Amino acid sequence: MVTHHTALIYTMVLVSAADGDMTDAELAVIGEIVRTLPVFRDCNADLLTSASEDCANLLGEDEGLETVLGIIARSLPEGLRETAYVVACEVAAADLVADQEELRLLEMLRFHLEI
């Protein structure tokens, strides 16, 4: 398990990386969410970089996607599961077009978070 802050960052990175291209617009949305969303108020400023790198490393392993989805699901309290889904949707919408990979990932996220 990781902190709820880390799990939310993993969620956003996962969606951004779904199509194999983390765009500037997606990265800007992730940064804005971490800077402004009240759930991140007590978050260490360095966490975004380290959690993003950790998530990318996990995704590079065998069964990495399932591993990250499991970590997110186990680490988020029930009250933050919908928040995770909302921030995932924000990142998917950052480019103004959600492609099939992102839509499929959102579906998988809903399943793992039991939303």
C-alpha atoms as a PDB file:
ATOM      1  CA  MET A   1       0.000   0.000   0.000  1.00  0.00           C
ATOM      2  CA  VAL A   2       0.953   3.613  -0.557  1.00  0.00           C
ATOM      3  CA  THR A   3      -0.468   6.872   0.792  1.00  0.00           C
ATOM      4  CA  HIS A   4      -3.714   8.179  -0.652  1.00  0.00           C
ATOM      5  CA  HIS A   5      -1.734  11.048  -2.213  1.00  0.00           C
ATOM      6  CA  THR A   6       0.509   8.583  -4.022  1.00  0.00           C
ATOM      7  CA  ALA A   7      -2.455   6.465  -5.112  1.00  0.00           C
ATOM      8  CA  LEU A   8      -4.148   9.510  -6.629  1.00  0.00           C
ATOM      9  CA  ILE A   9      -0.954  10.454  -8.458  1.00  0.00           C
ATOM     10  CA  TYR A  10      -0.575   6.863  -9.712  1.00  0.00           C
ATOM     11  CA  THR A  11      -4.142   7.102 -11.024  1.00  0.00           C
ATOM     12  CA  MET A  12      -3.411  10.253 -12.997  1.00  0.00           C
ATOM     13  CA  VAL A  13      -0.085   8.986 -14.350  1.00  0.00           C
ATOM     14  CA  LEU A  14      -1.718   5.721 -15.368  1.00  0.00           C
ATOM     15  CA  VAL A  15      -4.337   7.516 -17.451  1.00  0.00           C
ATOM     16  CA  SER A  16      -1.792   9.869 -18.963  1.00  0.00           C
ATOM     17  CA  ALA A  17       0.442   6.969 -19.976  1.00  0.00           C
ATOM     18  CA  ALA A  18      -2.421   4.805 -21.286  1.00  0.00           C
ATOM     19  CA  ASP A  19      -1.920   5.775 -24.918  1.00  0.00           C
ATOM     20  CA  GLY A  20       1.874   5.699 -24.662  1.00  0.00           C
ATOM     21  CA  ASP A  21       2.208   9.482 -24.794  1.00  0.00           C
ATOM     22  CA  MET A  22       2.173  11.700 -21.706  1.00  0.00           C
ATOM     23  CA  THR A  23       1.348  15.048 -23.292  1.00  0.00           C
ATOM     24  CA  ASP A  24       2.182  18.494 -21.970  1.00  0.00           C
ATOM     25  CA  ALA A  25      -1.543  19.168 -21.507  1.00  0.00           C
ATOM     26  CA  GLU A  26      -1.951  16.035 -19.376  1.00  0.00           C
ATOM     27  CA  LEU A  27       1.113  16.845 -17.293  1.00  0.00           C
ATOM     28  CA  ALA A  28      -0.148  20.400 -16.785  1.00  0.00           C
ATOM     29  CA  VAL A  29      -3.524  19.102 -15.584  1.00  0.00           C
ATOM     30  CA  ILE A  30      -1.840  16.676 -13.177  1.00  0.00           C
ATOM     31  CA  GLY A  31       0.314  19.483 -11.755  1.00  0.00           C
ATOM     32  CA  GLU A  32      -2.683  21.783 -11.419  1.00  0.00           C
ATOM     33  CA  ILE A  33      -4.722  19.115  -9.629  1.00  0.00           C
ATOM     34  CA  VAL A  34      -1.916  18.441  -7.152  1.00  0.00           C
ATOM     35  CA  ARG A  35      -1.445  22.176  -6.520  1.00  0.00           C
ATOM     36  CA  THR A  36      -5.124  23.051  -6.087  1.00  0.00           C
ATOM     37  CA  LEU A  37      -7.247  20.096  -4.990  1.00  0.00           C
ATOM     38  CA  PRO A  38      -7.908  20.196  -1.232  1.00  0.00           C
ATOM     39  CA  VAL A  39      -7.054  16.500  -0.852  1.00  0.00           C
ATOM     40  CA  PHE A  40      -3.453  17.396  -1.732  1.00  0.00           C
ATOM     41  CA  ARG A  41      -3.239  20.322   0.706  1.00  0.00           C
ATOM     42  CA  ASP A  42      -0.925  18.444   3.089  1.00  0.00           C
ATOM     43  CA  CYS A  43       1.045  16.718   0.308  1.00  0.00           C
ATOM     44  CA  ASN A  44       4.825  17.044   0.057  1.00  0.00           C
ATOM     45  CA  ALA A  45       5.690  19.042  -3.081  1.00  0.00           C
ATOM     46  CA  ASP A  46       8.328  16.490  -4.136  1.00  0.00           C
ATOM     47  CA  LEU A  47       5.833  13.625  -4.103  1.00  0.00           C
ATOM     48  CA  LEU A  48       4.535  14.302  -7.613  1.00  0.00           C
ATOM     49  CA  THR A  49       7.913  13.616  -9.208  1.00  0.00           C
ATOM     50  CA  SER A  50       8.839  10.607  -7.089  1.00  0.00           C
ATOM     51  CA  ALA A  51       5.387   8.989  -7.297  1.00  0.00           C
ATOM     52  CA  SER A  52       5.288   9.512 -11.070  1.00  0.00           C
ATOM     53  CA  GLU A  53       8.659   7.821 -11.454  1.00  0.00           C
ATOM     54  CA  ASP A  54       7.643   4.961  -9.153  1.00  0.00           C
ATOM     55  CA  CYS A  55       4.433   4.444 -11.118  1.00  0.00           C
ATOM     56  CA  ALA A  56       6.314   4.408 -14.434  1.00  0.00           C
ATOM     57  CA  ASN A  57       8.767   1.853 -13.043  1.00  0.00           C
ATOM     58  CA  LEU A  58       5.937  -0.379 -11.832  1.00  0.00           C
ATOM     59  CA  LEU A  59       4.205  -0.146 -15.204  1.00  0.00           C
ATOM     60  CA  GLY A  60       7.395  -1.371 -16.859  1.00  0.00           C
ATOM     61  CA  GLU A  61       7.330  -4.632 -14.917  1.00  0.00           C
ATOM     62  CA  ASP A  62       5.500  -7.845 -15.855  1.00  0.00           C
ATOM     63  CA  GLU A  63       1.816  -7.429 -14.987  1.00  0.00           C
ATOM     64  CA  GLY A  64       2.604  -3.783 -14.234  1.00  0.00           C
ATOM     65  CA  LEU A  65      -0.852  -2.459 -15.115  1.00  0.00           C
ATOM     66  CA  GLU A  66      -2.610  -4.916 -12.821  1.00  0.00           C
ATOM     67  CA  THR A  67      -0.052  -4.226 -10.097  1.00  0.00           C
ATOM     68  CA  VAL A  68      -0.646  -0.468 -10.235  1.00  0.00           C
ATOM     69  CA  LEU A  69      -4.437  -0.863 -10.379  1.00  0.00           C
ATOM     70  CA  GLY A  70      -4.254  -3.148  -7.334  1.00  0.00           C
ATOM     71  CA  ILE A  71      -2.075  -0.695  -5.410  1.00  0.00           C
ATOM     72  CA  ILE A  72      -4.492   2.128  -6.184  1.00  0.00           C
ATOM     73  CA  ALA A  73      -7.541   0.094  -5.130  1.00  0.00           C
ATOM     74  CA  ARG A  74      -5.943  -1.120  -1.884  1.00  0.00           C
ATOM     75  CA  SER A  75      -4.552   2.278  -0.939  1.00  0.00           C
ATOM     76  CA  LEU A  76      -7.585   4.500  -1.425  1.00  0.00           C
ATOM     77  CA  PRO A  77     -10.214   4.717   1.273  1.00  0.00           C
ATOM     78  CA  GLU A  78     -13.754   4.360  -0.020  1.00  0.00           C
ATOM     79  CA  GLY A  79     -14.341   8.109   0.284  1.00  0.00           C
ATOM     80  CA  LEU A  80     -11.554   8.901  -2.181  1.00  0.00           C
ATOM     81  CA  ARG A  81     -12.364   6.307  -4.851  1.00  0.00           C
ATOM     82  CA  GLU A  82     -14.728   8.603  -6.720  1.00  0.00           C
ATOM     83  CA  THR A  83     -12.175  11.406  -6.399  1.00  0.00           C
ATOM     84  CA  ALA A  84      -9.614   9.141  -8.065  1.00  0.00           C
ATOM     85  CA  TYR A  85     -12.007   8.457 -10.906  1.00  0.00           C
ATOM     86  CA  VAL A  86     -12.779  12.155 -11.345  1.00  0.00           C
ATOM     87  CA  VAL A  87      -9.109  13.141 -11.522  1.00  0.00           C
ATOM     88  CA  ALA A  88      -8.551  10.297 -13.991  1.00  0.00           C
ATOM     89  CA  CYS A  89     -11.321  11.723 -16.180  1.00  0.00           C
ATOM     90  CA  GLU A  90      -9.767  15.189 -15.935  1.00  0.00           C
ATOM     91  CA  VAL A  91      -6.445  13.864 -17.191  1.00  0.00           C
ATOM     92  CA  ALA A  92      -8.135  11.890 -19.991  1.00  0.00           C
ATOM     93  CA  ALA A  93      -9.966  15.060 -21.064  1.00  0.00           C
ATOM     94  CA  ALA A  94      -6.839  17.238 -20.995  1.00  0.00           C
ATOM     95  CA  ASP A  95      -6.178  16.724 -24.712  1.00  0.00           C
ATOM     96  CA  LEU A  96      -9.848  17.376 -25.534  1.00  0.00           C
ATOM     97  CA  VAL A  97     -10.063  13.848 -27.002  1.00  0.00           C
ATOM     98  CA  ALA A  98     -10.078  10.592 -25.049  1.00  0.00           C
ATOM     99  CA  ASP A  99      -8.756   7.747 -27.181  1.00  0.00           C
ATOM    100  CA  GLN A 100      -9.703   4.082 -26.869  1.00  0.00           C
ATOM    101  CA  GLU A 101      -6.781   3.233 -24.593  1.00  0.00           C
ATOM    102  CA  GLU A 102      -7.755   5.937 -22.117  1.00  0.00           C
ATOM    103  CA  LEU A 103     -11.423   4.957 -22.230  1.00  0.00           C
ATOM    104  CA  ARG A 104     -10.534   1.311 -21.626  1.00  0.00           C
ATOM    105  CA  LEU A 105      -8.316   2.307 -18.718  1.00  0.00           C
ATOM    106  CA  LEU A 106     -11.130   4.370 -17.195  1.00  0.00           C
ATOM    107  CA  GLU A 107     -13.342   1.285 -17.457  1.00  0.00           C
ATOM    108  CA  MET A 108     -10.713  -0.855 -15.725  1.00  0.00           C
ATOM    109  CA  LEU A 109     -10.317   1.796 -13.033  1.00  0.00           C
ATOM    110  CA  ARG A 110     -14.068   1.825 -12.378  1.00  0.00           C
ATOM    111  CA  PHE A 111     -13.968  -1.954 -12.022  1.00  0.00           C
ATOM    112  CA  HIS A 112     -10.995  -2.006  -9.621  1.00  0.00           C
ATOM    113  CA  LEU A 113     -12.375   0.865  -7.534  1.00  0.00           C
ATOM    114  CA  GLU A 114     -15.846  -0.697  -7.499  1.00  0.00           C
ATOM    115  CA  ILE A 115     -17.501   2.467  -8.774  1.00  0.00           C
END
